[in-house]
């Protein structure tokens, strides 16, 4: 009887661990999939995610729903994604800053930073998004050099809008201030550039920093002055826009997007999503749309995503620690 019970238990365990136990990639997805975002509608991350969702819908012939959960520096979305069923029907595409947050820093939720594979299982990479810097016309500046000169005359008086304290936009400006030897004032907008733009246009806030998708309308309509892009080299789609590095050698910073899923998601499902993600970002229409928005798709395996995230966390740690020390 004991041997029979043990044998039955082992068979049950093997069945539970097998693809036939509900983890068959060939059956996935057979109902709508949702992708959680930490960003507000209209932000660069949100625009990218909605274009990606459209590609997934074409590949899967299933509805893909974007769920925006902004707030708490990404903590609300991280908690919502982590507590979702690990069945492949909830994906998570947070902003880079959700991985870079410094625990205990002002404005950073207790459950941040997110780490892989501790908190989520990595799936794949989506895009790089160099940061674009725009200025209110009321400042009367046209270049990064002009900004540095003005900021040195008015230390701490020029405000800049970001998507939140500890976000990649905030960290990028902290790096700029450090290397340029200037002091600016942070104003955080949970609602992203859409919420900040009226204040930038009116001059209440002097600067705004975002991926191009979040600033495209204001820049193309000349509501704000385009200053520079924080890519290593000038972008082919923006040949007349200088890089920050042309004024501050070596300067480069930007957002990036990866797809992760709750831990415990079956490996066959992760592999299926990873394969289909690469199909999505290889689509010529997606590539063209991303290029116009200053974002650039890139393939990474789950292991490469893990290594990339961990390297980014190590790279930005000194800046994060500086922010925490100056804002006890």
C-alpha atoms as a PDB file:
ATOM      1  CA  UNK A   1       0.000   0.000   0.000  1.00  0.00           C
ATOM      2  CA  UNK A   2       2.846   2.350   0.890  1.00  0.00           C
ATOM      3  CA  UNK A   3       4.642   1.601  -2.392  1.00  0.00           C
ATOM      4  CA  UNK A   4       1.428   2.169  -4.337  1.00  0.00           C
ATOM      5  CA  UNK A   5       0.833   5.498  -2.592  1.00  0.00           C
ATOM      6  CA  UNK A   6       4.409   6.620  -3.251  1.00  0.00           C
ATOM      7  CA  UNK A   7       4.178   5.587  -6.881  1.00  0.00           C
ATOM      8  CA  UNK A   8       0.896   7.436  -7.308  1.00  0.00           C
ATOM      9  CA  UNK A   9       2.335  10.546  -5.696  1.00  0.00           C
ATOM     10  CA  UNK A  10       5.360  10.495  -8.005  1.00  0.00           C
ATOM     11  CA  UNK A  11       3.130  10.091 -11.055  1.00  0.00           C
ATOM     12  CA  UNK A  12       0.988  12.981  -9.927  1.00  0.00           C
ATOM     13  CA  UNK A  13       4.083  15.138  -9.397  1.00  0.00           C
ATOM     14  CA  UNK A  14       5.465  14.315 -12.835  1.00  0.00           C
ATOM     15  CA  UNK A  15       2.136  15.149 -14.416  1.00  0.00           C
ATOM     16  CA  UNK A  16       1.993  18.463 -12.565  1.00  0.00           C
ATOM     17  CA  UNK A  17       5.462  19.344 -13.801  1.00  0.00           C
ATOM     18  CA  UNK A  18       4.841  18.315 -17.388  1.00  0.00           C
ATOM     19  CA  UNK A  19       3.728  20.627 -20.225  1.00  0.00           C
ATOM     20  CA  UNK A  20       0.518  18.585 -20.425  1.00  0.00           C
ATOM     21  CA  UNK A  21      -0.496  19.923 -17.020  1.00  0.00           C
ATOM     22  CA  UNK A  22      -1.673  23.258 -18.369  1.00  0.00           C
ATOM     23  CA  UNK A  23       1.671  24.703 -19.441  1.00  0.00           C
ATOM     24  CA  UNK A  24       1.509  23.712 -23.120  1.00  0.00           C
ATOM     25  CA  UNK A  25       2.997  26.572 -25.124  1.00  0.00           C
ATOM     26  CA  UNK A  26       1.046  25.444 -28.170  1.00  0.00           C
ATOM     27  CA  UNK A  27      -2.228  26.327 -26.445  1.00  0.00           C
ATOM     28  CA  UNK A  28      -1.024  29.753 -25.340  1.00  0.00           C
ATOM     29  CA  UNK A  29      -2.724  32.155 -25.313  1.00  0.00           C
ATOM     30  CA  UNK A  30      -6.316  30.933 -25.515  1.00  0.00           C
ATOM     31  CA  UNK A  31      -7.826  34.010 -23.846  1.00  0.00           C
ATOM     32  CA  UNK A  32      -6.904  37.720 -23.420  1.00  0.00           C
ATOM     33  CA  UNK A  33      -3.486  38.665 -22.047  1.00  0.00           C
ATOM     34  CA  UNK A  34      -2.836  41.784 -20.003  1.00  0.00           C
ATOM     35  CA  UNK A  35       0.427  43.720 -19.784  1.00  0.00           C
ATOM     36  CA  UNK A  36       0.923  45.872 -16.693  1.00  0.00           C
ATOM     37  CA  UNK A  37       2.757  49.204 -17.002  1.00  0.00           C
ATOM     38  CA  UNK A  38       4.014  51.443 -14.208  1.00  0.00           C
ATOM     39  CA  UNK A  39       3.716  54.496 -16.472  1.00  0.00           C
ATOM     40  CA  UNK A  40       0.881  56.930 -17.076  1.00  0.00           C
ATOM     41  CA  UNK A  41      -0.955  57.049 -20.409  1.00  0.00           C
ATOM     42  CA  UNK A  42       0.891  59.200 -22.951  1.00  0.00           C
ATOM     43  CA  UNK A  43       4.377  58.556 -21.567  1.00  0.00           C
ATOM     44  CA  UNK A  44       7.141  57.105 -23.741  1.00  0.00           C
ATOM     45  CA  UNK A  45       6.807  53.719 -22.039  1.00  0.00           C
ATOM     46  CA  UNK A  46       3.049  53.700 -22.504  1.00  0.00           C
ATOM     47  CA  UNK A  47       3.266  54.512 -26.211  1.00  0.00           C
ATOM     48  CA  UNK A  48       5.844  51.761 -26.745  1.00  0.00           C
ATOM     49  CA  UNK A  49       3.777  49.234 -24.840  1.00  0.00           C
ATOM     50  CA  UNK A  50       0.604  49.962 -26.793  1.00  0.00           C
ATOM     51  CA  UNK A  51       2.415  49.499 -30.091  1.00  0.00           C
ATOM     52  CA  UNK A  52       3.873  46.243 -28.773  1.00  0.00           C
ATOM     53  CA  UNK A  53       0.434  45.094 -27.602  1.00  0.00           C
ATOM     54  CA  UNK A  54      -0.868  45.632 -31.132  1.00  0.00           C
ATOM     55  CA  UNK A  55       1.870  43.354 -32.467  1.00  0.00           C
ATOM     56  CA  UNK A  56       1.108  40.653 -29.899  1.00  0.00           C
ATOM     57  CA  UNK A  57      -2.561  40.779 -30.858  1.00  0.00           C
ATOM     58  CA  UNK A  58      -1.669  40.114 -34.484  1.00  0.00           C
ATOM     59  CA  UNK A  59       0.583  37.199 -33.556  1.00  0.00           C
ATOM     60  CA  UNK A  60      -1.718  35.626 -30.967  1.00  0.00           C
ATOM     61  CA  UNK A  61      -5.107  36.522 -32.426  1.00  0.00           C
ATOM     62  CA  UNK A  62      -6.101  37.386 -28.869  1.00  0.00           C
ATOM     63  CA  UNK A  63      -6.892  40.665 -27.151  1.00  0.00           C
ATOM     64  CA  UNK A  64      -3.914  42.193 -25.327  1.00  0.00           C
ATOM     65  CA  UNK A  65      -4.902  44.719 -22.671  1.00  0.00           C
ATOM     66  CA  UNK A  66      -2.571  47.446 -21.406  1.00  0.00           C
ATOM     67  CA  UNK A  67      -3.126  48.151 -17.713  1.00  0.00           C
ATOM     68  CA  UNK A  68      -1.606  51.420 -16.417  1.00  0.00           C
ATOM     69  CA  UNK A  69      -0.694  51.369 -12.721  1.00  0.00           C
ATOM     70  CA  UNK A  70       1.371  54.536 -12.073  1.00  0.00           C
ATOM     71  CA  UNK A  71       2.373  55.710  -8.622  1.00  0.00           C
ATOM     72  CA  UNK A  72       4.796  55.049  -5.738  1.00  0.00           C
ATOM     73  CA  UNK A  73       7.754  55.193  -8.105  1.00  0.00           C
ATOM     74  CA  UNK A  74       6.580  51.980  -9.754  1.00  0.00           C
ATOM     75  CA  UNK A  75       5.751  50.204  -6.503  1.00  0.00           C
ATOM     76  CA  UNK A  76       2.025  49.927  -7.231  1.00  0.00           C
ATOM     77  CA  UNK A  77       2.596  48.223 -10.576  1.00  0.00           C
ATOM     78  CA  UNK A  78       5.317  45.939  -9.190  1.00  0.00           C
ATOM     79  CA  UNK A  79       3.020  44.750  -6.423  1.00  0.00           C
ATOM     80  CA  UNK A  80       0.129  44.285  -8.837  1.00  0.00           C
ATOM     81  CA  UNK A  81       2.239  42.265 -11.259  1.00  0.00           C
ATOM     82  CA  UNK A  82       3.969  40.155  -8.614  1.00  0.00           C
ATOM     83  CA  UNK A  83       0.681  39.091  -7.019  1.00  0.00           C
ATOM     84  CA  UNK A  84      -0.949  38.166 -10.348  1.00  0.00           C
ATOM     85  CA  UNK A  85      -1.408  34.495 -11.269  1.00  0.00           C
ATOM     86  CA  UNK A  86       1.779  32.970 -12.685  1.00  0.00           C
ATOM     87  CA  UNK A  87       0.016  31.552 -15.718  1.00  0.00           C
ATOM     88  CA  UNK A  88       1.439  33.646 -18.543  1.00  0.00           C
ATOM     89  CA  UNK A  89      -1.641  35.824 -18.866  1.00  0.00           C
ATOM     90  CA  UNK A  90      -0.076  38.728 -16.956  1.00  0.00           C
ATOM     91  CA  UNK A  91       3.090  40.262 -18.383  1.00  0.00           C
ATOM     92  CA  UNK A  92       4.909  43.236 -16.860  1.00  0.00           C
ATOM     93  CA  UNK A  93       6.812  45.970 -18.718  1.00  0.00           C
ATOM     94  CA  UNK A  94       8.016  48.544 -16.171  1.00  0.00           C
ATOM     95  CA  UNK A  95      10.236  51.537 -16.814  1.00  0.00           C
ATOM     96  CA  UNK A  96      13.949  51.079 -16.213  1.00  0.00           C
ATOM     97  CA  UNK A  97      13.758  53.043 -12.977  1.00  0.00           C
ATOM     98  CA  UNK A  98      11.642  50.356 -11.313  1.00  0.00           C
ATOM     99  CA  UNK A  99      14.763  48.175 -11.466  1.00  0.00           C
ATOM    100  CA  UNK A 100      17.079  51.013 -10.443  1.00  0.00           C
ATOM    101  CA  UNK A 101      15.264  52.424  -7.410  1.00  0.00           C
ATOM    102  CA  UNK A 102      17.213  52.576  -4.151  1.00  0.00           C
ATOM    103  CA  UNK A 103      15.393  51.016  -1.206  1.00  0.00           C
ATOM    104  CA  UNK A 104      14.870  53.597   1.528  1.00  0.00           C
ATOM    105  CA  UNK A 105      15.307  56.609  -0.758  1.00  0.00           C
ATOM    106  CA  UNK A 106      12.595  59.306  -0.663  1.00  0.00           C
ATOM    107  CA  UNK A 107       9.605  58.476  -2.825  1.00  0.00           C
ATOM    108  CA  UNK A 108      10.673  54.871  -3.347  1.00  0.00           C
ATOM    109  CA  UNK A 109       8.196  52.167  -2.408  1.00  0.00           C
ATOM    110  CA  UNK A 110       9.274  49.480   0.051  1.00  0.00           C
ATOM    111  CA  UNK A 111       8.968  46.717  -2.545  1.00  0.00           C
ATOM    112  CA  UNK A 112      11.483  48.385  -4.877  1.00  0.00           C
ATOM    113  CA  UNK A 113      13.840  47.958  -6.585  1.00  0.00           C
ATOM    114  CA  UNK A 114      12.598  45.012  -8.608  1.00  0.00           C
ATOM    115  CA  UNK A 115      15.268  42.387  -9.167  1.00  0.00           C
ATOM    116  CA  UNK A 116      15.462  39.434 -11.525  1.00  0.00           C
ATOM    117  CA  UNK A 117      15.233  36.596 -10.940  1.00  0.00           C
ATOM    118  CA  UNK A 118      14.371  37.280  -7.280  1.00  0.00           C
ATOM    119  CA  UNK A 119      11.045  39.009  -7.961  1.00  0.00           C
ATOM    120  CA  UNK A 120      10.200  38.213 -11.585  1.00  0.00           C
ATOM    121  CA  UNK A 121      11.292  35.847 -14.312  1.00  0.00           C
ATOM    122  CA  UNK A 122      12.922  37.647 -17.273  1.00  0.00           C
ATOM    123  CA  UNK A 123      11.453  37.108 -20.740  1.00  0.00           C
ATOM    124  CA  UNK A 124      13.040  39.485 -23.247  1.00  0.00           C
ATOM    125  CA  UNK A 125      14.181  42.971 -24.190  1.00  0.00           C
ATOM    126  CA  UNK A 126      11.975  45.456 -26.048  1.00  0.00           C
ATOM    127  CA  UNK A 127      13.655  48.810 -26.796  1.00  0.00           C
ATOM    128  CA  UNK A 128      16.310  51.315 -25.810  1.00  0.00           C
ATOM    129  CA  UNK A 129      14.960  54.850 -25.377  1.00  0.00           C
ATOM    130  CA  UNK A 130      17.541  57.662 -25.301  1.00  0.00           C
ATOM    131  CA  UNK A 131      16.388  60.578 -23.166  1.00  0.00           C
ATOM    132  CA  UNK A 132      15.435  63.834 -24.912  1.00  0.00           C
ATOM    133  CA  UNK A 133      15.762  67.168 -23.118  1.00  0.00           C
ATOM    134  CA  UNK A 134      13.399  70.043 -23.863  1.00  0.00           C
ATOM    135  CA  UNK A 135      13.191  73.551 -22.439  1.00  0.00           C
ATOM    136  CA  UNK A 136      10.523  76.166 -21.988  1.00  0.00           C
ATOM    137  CA  UNK A 137      10.910  78.997 -24.480  1.00  0.00           C
ATOM    138  CA  UNK A 138      10.681  81.339 -21.489  1.00  0.00           C
ATOM    139  CA  UNK A 139      14.235  80.337 -20.480  1.00  0.00           C
ATOM    140  CA  UNK A 140      15.609  81.770 -23.729  1.00  0.00           C
ATOM    141  CA  UNK A 141      18.085  78.905 -24.243  1.00  0.00           C
ATOM    142  CA  UNK A 142      18.729  76.707 -27.275  1.00  0.00           C
ATOM    143  CA  UNK A 143      21.576  74.364 -26.288  1.00  0.00           C
ATOM    144  CA  UNK A 144      22.915  72.364 -23.359  1.00  0.00           C
ATOM    145  CA  UNK A 145      25.766  74.871 -23.200  1.00  0.00           C
ATOM    146  CA  UNK A 146      23.207  77.663 -22.766  1.00  0.00           C
ATOM    147  CA  UNK A 147      21.529  75.672 -19.985  1.00  0.00           C
ATOM    148  CA  UNK A 148      24.788  75.131 -18.117  1.00  0.00           C
ATOM    149  CA  UNK A 149      25.667  78.828 -18.368  1.00  0.00           C
ATOM    150  CA  UNK A 150      22.232  79.915 -17.121  1.00  0.00           C
ATOM    151  CA  UNK A 151      22.153  77.333 -14.320  1.00  0.00           C
ATOM    152  CA  UNK A 152      25.511  78.515 -13.026  1.00  0.00           C
ATOM    153  CA  UNK A 153      24.136  82.044 -12.820  1.00  0.00           C
ATOM    154  CA  UNK A 154      20.970  80.835 -11.068  1.00  0.00           C
ATOM    155  CA  UNK A 155      21.920  77.809  -8.939  1.00  0.00           C
ATOM    156  CA  UNK A 156      18.881  75.856  -7.797  1.00  0.00           C
ATOM    157  CA  UNK A 157      16.406  78.196  -9.497  1.00  0.00           C
ATOM    158  CA  UNK A 158      15.729  76.277 -12.719  1.00  0.00           C
ATOM    159  CA  UNK A 159      13.204  73.467 -12.244  1.00  0.00           C
ATOM    160  CA  UNK A 160      12.950  70.340 -14.340  1.00  0.00           C
ATOM    161  CA  UNK A 161       9.984  67.981 -14.727  1.00  0.00           C
ATOM    162  CA  UNK A 162      10.402  64.231 -14.348  1.00  0.00           C
ATOM    163  CA  UNK A 163       8.109  61.232 -14.108  1.00  0.00           C
ATOM    164  CA  UNK A 164       9.024  60.829 -10.430  1.00  0.00           C
ATOM    165  CA  UNK A 165      11.794  60.809  -7.854  1.00  0.00           C
ATOM    166  CA  UNK A 166      14.186  57.939  -8.452  1.00  0.00           C
ATOM    167  CA  UNK A 167      12.984  57.421 -12.032  1.00  0.00           C
ATOM    168  CA  UNK A 168      15.442  57.207 -14.934  1.00  0.00           C
ATOM    169  CA  UNK A 169      14.528  60.778 -15.908  1.00  0.00           C
ATOM    170  CA  UNK A 170      15.486  61.976 -12.420  1.00  0.00           C
ATOM    171  CA  UNK A 171      18.686  59.946 -12.388  1.00  0.00           C
ATOM    172  CA  UNK A 172      19.696  61.235 -15.808  1.00  0.00           C
ATOM    173  CA  UNK A 173      19.362  64.839 -14.647  1.00  0.00           C
ATOM    174  CA  UNK A 174      21.285  64.031 -11.475  1.00  0.00           C
ATOM    175  CA  UNK A 175      24.103  62.728 -13.659  1.00  0.00           C
ATOM    176  CA  UNK A 176      23.927  65.849 -15.825  1.00  0.00           C
ATOM    177  CA  UNK A 177      24.129  68.114 -12.784  1.00  0.00           C
ATOM    178  CA  UNK A 178      27.069  66.170 -11.384  1.00  0.00           C
ATOM    179  CA  UNK A 179      29.104  66.265 -14.594  1.00  0.00           C
ATOM    180  CA  UNK A 180      28.205  69.872 -15.495  1.00  0.00           C
ATOM    181  CA  UNK A 181      28.679  71.216 -11.983  1.00  0.00           C
ATOM    182  CA  UNK A 182      25.218  72.797 -11.802  1.00  0.00           C
ATOM    183  CA  UNK A 183      22.246  72.653  -9.459  1.00  0.00           C
ATOM    184  CA  UNK A 184      18.658  72.255 -10.680  1.00  0.00           C
ATOM    185  CA  UNK A 185      15.353  71.756  -8.887  1.00  0.00           C
ATOM    186  CA  UNK A 186      13.307  68.578  -9.357  1.00  0.00           C
ATOM    187  CA  UNK A 187       9.522  68.670  -9.831  1.00  0.00           C
ATOM    188  CA  UNK A 188       7.959  65.196 -10.047  1.00  0.00           C
ATOM    189  CA  UNK A 189       4.819  64.496 -12.078  1.00  0.00           C
ATOM    190  CA  UNK A 190       3.192  61.102 -11.535  1.00  0.00           C
ATOM    191  CA  UNK A 191       1.135  61.766 -14.665  1.00  0.00           C
ATOM    192  CA  UNK A 192       4.277  61.964 -16.781  1.00  0.00           C
ATOM    193  CA  UNK A 193       5.025  64.529 -19.507  1.00  0.00           C
ATOM    194  CA  UNK A 194       1.342  64.922 -20.330  1.00  0.00           C
ATOM    195  CA  UNK A 195       0.753  66.331 -16.850  1.00  0.00           C
ATOM    196  CA  UNK A 196       3.954  68.398 -16.870  1.00  0.00           C
ATOM    197  CA  UNK A 197       3.671  69.980 -20.310  1.00  0.00           C
ATOM    198  CA  UNK A 198       1.338  72.893 -19.437  1.00  0.00           C
ATOM    199  CA  UNK A 199       3.800  73.989 -16.733  1.00  0.00           C
ATOM    200  CA  UNK A 200       6.787  73.659 -19.075  1.00  0.00           C
ATOM    201  CA  UNK A 201       5.078  75.581 -21.874  1.00  0.00           C
ATOM    202  CA  UNK A 202       4.013  78.350 -19.487  1.00  0.00           C
ATOM    203  CA  UNK A 203       7.478  78.561 -17.942  1.00  0.00           C
ATOM    204  CA  UNK A 204       6.510  77.508 -14.417  1.00  0.00           C
ATOM    205  CA  UNK A 205       8.964  74.633 -14.953  1.00  0.00           C
ATOM    206  CA  UNK A 206      11.982  75.257 -17.167  1.00  0.00           C
ATOM    207  CA  UNK A 207      12.991  71.797 -18.380  1.00  0.00           C
ATOM    208  CA  UNK A 208      11.485  68.426 -19.191  1.00  0.00           C
ATOM    209  CA  UNK A 209      13.205  65.103 -19.814  1.00  0.00           C
ATOM    210  CA  UNK A 210      11.592  62.036 -21.407  1.00  0.00           C
ATOM    211  CA  UNK A 211      11.792  59.523 -24.196  1.00  0.00           C
ATOM    212  CA  UNK A 212      10.835  61.147 -27.483  1.00  0.00           C
ATOM    213  CA  UNK A 213       7.405  59.493 -27.540  1.00  0.00           C
ATOM    214  CA  UNK A 214       6.403  61.536 -24.513  1.00  0.00           C
ATOM    215  CA  UNK A 215       7.696  64.824 -25.989  1.00  0.00           C
ATOM    216  CA  UNK A 216       7.051  64.342 -29.703  1.00  0.00           C
ATOM    217  CA  UNK A 217       3.947  66.506 -29.930  1.00  0.00           C
ATOM    218  CA  UNK A 218       5.412  69.423 -27.971  1.00  0.00           C
ATOM    219  CA  UNK A 219       8.727  69.291 -29.814  1.00  0.00           C
ATOM    220  CA  UNK A 220       7.311  68.940 -33.330  1.00  0.00           C
ATOM    221  CA  UNK A 221       4.871  71.805 -32.738  1.00  0.00           C
ATOM    222  CA  UNK A 222       7.636  73.974 -31.238  1.00  0.00           C
ATOM    223  CA  UNK A 223       5.775  74.333 -27.950  1.00  0.00           C
ATOM    224  CA  UNK A 224       9.110  73.667 -26.270  1.00  0.00           C
ATOM    225  CA  UNK A 225      12.714  74.110 -27.372  1.00  0.00           C
ATOM    226  CA  UNK A 226      14.548  70.872 -28.239  1.00  0.00           C
ATOM    227  CA  UNK A 227      17.944  71.020 -26.524  1.00  0.00           C
ATOM    228  CA  UNK A 228      19.622  67.630 -26.951  1.00  0.00           C
ATOM    229  CA  UNK A 229      19.359  63.854 -26.861  1.00  0.00           C
ATOM    230  CA  UNK A 230      21.288  61.753 -24.357  1.00  0.00           C
ATOM    231  CA  UNK A 231      22.411  59.085 -26.835  1.00  0.00           C
ATOM    232  CA  UNK A 232      26.097  58.383 -27.430  1.00  0.00           C
ATOM    233  CA  UNK A 233      25.868  59.616 -31.034  1.00  0.00           C
ATOM    234  CA  UNK A 234      23.371  61.671 -33.023  1.00  0.00           C
ATOM    235  CA  UNK A 235      20.339  59.665 -34.038  1.00  0.00           C
ATOM    236  CA  UNK A 236      19.721  59.047 -37.740  1.00  0.00           C
ATOM    237  CA  UNK A 237      16.102  60.148 -37.354  1.00  0.00           C
ATOM    238  CA  UNK A 238      17.150  63.381 -35.608  1.00  0.00           C
ATOM    239  CA  UNK A 239      20.357  64.427 -37.418  1.00  0.00           C
ATOM    240  CA  UNK A 240      20.063  68.092 -36.455  1.00  0.00           C
ATOM    241  CA  UNK A 241      19.581  67.470 -32.744  1.00  0.00           C
ATOM    242  CA  UNK A 242      22.900  67.585 -30.846  1.00  0.00           C
ATOM    243  CA  UNK A 243      23.792  65.024 -28.206  1.00  0.00           C
ATOM    244  CA  UNK A 244      24.510  65.980 -24.622  1.00  0.00           C
ATOM    245  CA  UNK A 245      27.883  64.287 -25.169  1.00  0.00           C
ATOM    246  CA  UNK A 246      28.875  67.017 -27.634  1.00  0.00           C
ATOM    247  CA  UNK A 247      28.944  69.370 -24.637  1.00  0.00           C
ATOM    248  CA  UNK A 248      29.684  66.880 -21.843  1.00  0.00           C
ATOM    249  CA  UNK A 249      31.957  64.178 -23.328  1.00  0.00           C
ATOM    250  CA  UNK A 250      30.936  60.624 -22.552  1.00  0.00           C
ATOM    251  CA  UNK A 251      27.447  61.492 -21.366  1.00  0.00           C
ATOM    252  CA  UNK A 252      24.827  58.872 -22.290  1.00  0.00           C
ATOM    253  CA  UNK A 253      21.618  57.876 -20.571  1.00  0.00           C
ATOM    254  CA  UNK A 254      18.290  56.475 -21.522  1.00  0.00           C
ATOM    255  CA  UNK A 255      15.344  54.350 -20.647  1.00  0.00           C
ATOM    256  CA  UNK A 256      14.846  50.769 -21.657  1.00  0.00           C
ATOM    257  CA  UNK A 257      12.076  48.236 -21.551  1.00  0.00           C
ATOM    258  CA  UNK A 258      12.092  44.550 -20.729  1.00  0.00           C
ATOM    259  CA  UNK A 259       9.261  42.068 -20.353  1.00  0.00           C
ATOM    260  CA  UNK A 260       9.111  40.009 -17.162  1.00  0.00           C
ATOM    261  CA  UNK A 261       6.492  37.674 -15.685  1.00  0.00           C
ATOM    262  CA  UNK A 262       5.587  36.562 -12.153  1.00  0.00           C
ATOM    263  CA  UNK A 263       7.886  33.913 -10.744  1.00  0.00           C
ATOM    264  CA  UNK A 264       6.434  30.472 -11.193  1.00  0.00           C
ATOM    265  CA  UNK A 265       5.243  31.105 -14.739  1.00  0.00           C
ATOM    266  CA  UNK A 266       5.817  27.813 -16.644  1.00  0.00           C
ATOM    267  CA  UNK A 267       9.023  27.718 -18.684  1.00  0.00           C
ATOM    268  CA  UNK A 268       7.234  26.661 -21.910  1.00  0.00           C
ATOM    269  CA  UNK A 269       5.081  29.782 -21.671  1.00  0.00           C
ATOM    270  CA  UNK A 270       8.117  32.002 -21.022  1.00  0.00           C
ATOM    271  CA  UNK A 271       9.864  30.536 -24.067  1.00  0.00           C
ATOM    272  CA  UNK A 272       6.754  31.049 -26.199  1.00  0.00           C
ATOM    273  CA  UNK A 273       6.393  34.704 -25.132  1.00  0.00           C
ATOM    274  CA  UNK A 274      10.130  35.286 -25.724  1.00  0.00           C
ATOM    275  CA  UNK A 275       9.909  33.905 -29.268  1.00  0.00           C
ATOM    276  CA  UNK A 276       6.790  35.915 -30.053  1.00  0.00           C
ATOM    277  CA  UNK A 277       8.299  39.060 -28.527  1.00  0.00           C
ATOM    278  CA  UNK A 278      11.205  38.822 -30.968  1.00  0.00           C
ATOM    279  CA  UNK A 279       8.721  38.380 -33.821  1.00  0.00           C
ATOM    280  CA  UNK A 280       6.853  41.484 -32.628  1.00  0.00           C
ATOM    281  CA  UNK A 281       9.891  43.755 -32.412  1.00  0.00           C
ATOM    282  CA  UNK A 282      11.173  42.493 -35.778  1.00  0.00           C
ATOM    283  CA  UNK A 283       8.019  43.675 -37.534  1.00  0.00           C
ATOM    284  CA  UNK A 284       8.979  46.397 -40.025  1.00  0.00           C
ATOM    285  CA  UNK A 285       6.043  48.602 -39.036  1.00  0.00           C
ATOM    286  CA  UNK A 286       6.964  48.330 -35.356  1.00  0.00           C
ATOM    287  CA  UNK A 287      10.609  49.161 -36.103  1.00  0.00           C
ATOM    288  CA  UNK A 288       9.553  52.177 -38.187  1.00  0.00           C
ATOM    289  CA  UNK A 289       7.204  53.415 -35.466  1.00  0.00           C
ATOM    290  CA  UNK A 290       9.864  53.019 -32.799  1.00  0.00           C
ATOM    291  CA  UNK A 291      12.461  54.790 -34.915  1.00  0.00           C
ATOM    292  CA  UNK A 292      10.180  57.812 -35.309  1.00  0.00           C
ATOM    293  CA  UNK A 293       9.789  57.857 -31.528  1.00  0.00           C
ATOM    294  CA  UNK A 294      13.522  57.644 -30.843  1.00  0.00           C
ATOM    295  CA  UNK A 295      13.342  54.047 -29.583  1.00  0.00           C
ATOM    296  CA  UNK A 296      15.331  51.104 -30.877  1.00  0.00           C
ATOM    297  CA  UNK A 297      14.306  47.412 -30.558  1.00  0.00           C
ATOM    298  CA  UNK A 298      16.854  44.805 -29.542  1.00  0.00           C
ATOM    299  CA  UNK A 299      16.848  41.027 -29.009  1.00  0.00           C
ATOM    300  CA  UNK A 300      17.903  39.505 -25.683  1.00  0.00           C
ATOM    301  CA  UNK A 301      17.436  36.049 -24.249  1.00  0.00           C
ATOM    302  CA  UNK A 302      16.015  35.745 -20.717  1.00  0.00           C
ATOM    303  CA  UNK A 303      19.543  35.155 -19.378  1.00  0.00           C
ATOM    304  CA  UNK A 304      20.833  38.219 -21.226  1.00  0.00           C
ATOM    305  CA  UNK A 305      18.002  40.303 -19.782  1.00  0.00           C
ATOM    306  CA  UNK A 306      18.980  39.180 -16.288  1.00  0.00           C
ATOM    307  CA  UNK A 307      22.641  40.100 -16.851  1.00  0.00           C
ATOM    308  CA  UNK A 308      21.721  43.442 -18.464  1.00  0.00           C
ATOM    309  CA  UNK A 309      19.436  44.484 -15.599  1.00  0.00           C
ATOM    310  CA  UNK A 310      22.018  43.547 -12.992  1.00  0.00           C
ATOM    311  CA  UNK A 311      24.710  45.560 -14.838  1.00  0.00           C
ATOM    312  CA  UNK A 312      22.400  48.596 -15.044  1.00  0.00           C
ATOM    313  CA  UNK A 313      21.724  48.363 -11.321  1.00  0.00           C
ATOM    314  CA  UNK A 314      25.458  48.348 -10.625  1.00  0.00           C
ATOM    315  CA  UNK A 315      26.111  51.265 -13.018  1.00  0.00           C
ATOM    316  CA  UNK A 316      23.508  53.588 -11.504  1.00  0.00           C
ATOM    317  CA  UNK A 317      24.081  52.691  -7.856  1.00  0.00           C
ATOM    318  CA  UNK A 318      26.483  55.621  -7.151  1.00  0.00           C
ATOM    319  CA  UNK A 319      23.958  58.137  -8.517  1.00  0.00           C
ATOM    320  CA  UNK A 320      21.152  56.526  -6.512  1.00  0.00           C
ATOM    321  CA  UNK A 321      23.193  56.657  -3.330  1.00  0.00           C
ATOM    322  CA  UNK A 322      23.946  60.336  -3.954  1.00  0.00           C
ATOM    323  CA  UNK A 323      20.225  61.058  -4.334  1.00  0.00           C
ATOM    324  CA  UNK A 324      19.424  59.190  -1.110  1.00  0.00           C
ATOM    325  CA  UNK A 325      22.176  60.973   0.839  1.00  0.00           C
ATOM    326  CA  UNK A 326      21.056  64.424  -0.300  1.00  0.00           C
ATOM    327  CA  UNK A 327      17.402  63.704   0.476  1.00  0.00           C
ATOM    328  CA  UNK A 328      17.424  61.981   3.899  1.00  0.00           C
END
